[in-house]
Protein backbone atom coordinates (compact mmCIF):
# COMPACT_ATOMS: atom_id res chain seq x y z
CA MET A 1 171.70 59.75 160.93
CA LYS A 2 172.58 62.52 158.97
CA GLU A 3 171.11 62.54 155.15
CA THR A 4 173.91 62.78 152.71
CA THR A 5 173.69 65.61 149.77
CA GLN A 6 173.26 62.57 147.01
CA ALA A 7 170.41 61.50 149.05
CA LYS A 8 168.80 64.80 148.96
CA ILE A 9 169.38 65.18 145.33
CA THR A 10 167.90 61.78 144.42
CA ALA A 11 164.98 62.42 146.85
CA SER A 12 164.25 65.73 145.31
CA VAL A 13 164.43 64.33 142.02
CA ALA A 14 161.81 61.61 142.70
CA ILE A 15 159.56 64.44 144.07
CA ALA A 16 160.02 66.35 140.81
CA LYS A 17 159.33 63.67 138.47
CA ALA A 18 156.16 62.58 140.10
CA MET A 19 154.77 66.48 140.15
CA ALA A 20 155.60 66.54 136.34
CA GLN A 21 153.80 63.28 135.61
CA LYS A 22 150.97 64.34 137.44
CA ALA A 23 151.25 67.92 135.65
CA LEU A 24 151.09 66.14 132.21
CA SER A 25 148.48 63.53 132.71
CA PRO A 26 145.32 63.80 130.83
CA ASN A 27 143.63 64.12 133.73
CA PRO A 28 145.51 66.18 136.54
CA ASN A 29 142.74 66.83 138.81
CA PRO A 30 141.21 63.03 139.74
CA GLN A 31 138.40 64.96 141.84
CA TRP A 32 137.07 66.21 138.25
CA THR A 33 134.70 63.73 136.39
CA GLU A 34 135.21 62.45 132.92
CA TYR A 35 131.92 64.04 132.05
CA GLU A 36 133.38 67.60 133.36
CA MET A 37 136.48 66.93 131.88
CA GLN A 38 134.59 66.37 128.52
CA SER A 39 132.40 69.62 128.89
CA VAL A 40 135.47 71.39 128.95
CA ASP A 41 137.08 69.76 126.02
CA GLU A 42 133.63 70.80 124.16
CA TRP A 43 133.84 74.08 125.58
CA ILE A 44 137.71 74.51 124.28
CA ALA A 45 136.39 73.21 120.62
CA ARG A 46 133.59 75.99 120.34
CA GLN A 47 136.04 78.57 121.14
CA GLY A 48 138.18 80.39 117.94
CA GLU A 49 141.49 79.28 119.42
CA LYS A 50 143.52 76.53 120.56
CA LEU A 51 143.73 76.43 124.56
CA ASP A 52 144.79 74.05 126.71
CA ARG A 53 142.79 72.72 129.82
CA PRO A 54 144.45 74.96 132.59
CA GLU A 55 143.62 78.02 130.45
CA ALA A 56 140.46 77.25 129.59
CA ILE A 57 139.62 76.09 133.39
CA ARG A 58 141.00 79.49 133.82
CA ARG A 59 138.40 81.51 131.56
CA LEU A 60 135.40 79.55 132.43
CA VAL A 61 136.39 80.51 136.11
CA GLU A 62 136.58 84.20 135.02
CA LEU A 63 133.45 83.85 133.19
CA GLY A 64 131.50 82.61 136.04
CA LEU A 65 133.16 85.07 138.63
CA LYS A 66 131.96 87.94 136.36
CA ALA A 67 128.89 86.69 135.74
CA LYS A 68 128.19 86.62 139.65
CA LYS A 69 128.34 90.26 139.89
């Protein structure tokens, strides 16, 4: 049976909403422990600027990669 355009749009919207909710949740990566997220938040607080978690995590990864050199 051929899927209608309306059904495709409805499915796409449902997927997009689920992705947005996951991205906006306080802990978008459920594999991270509360301790790890709290540690990231504490690191953010010690910085002299406002950072969101994704940017903070990118910076922490960059610092870690530079430390390995």
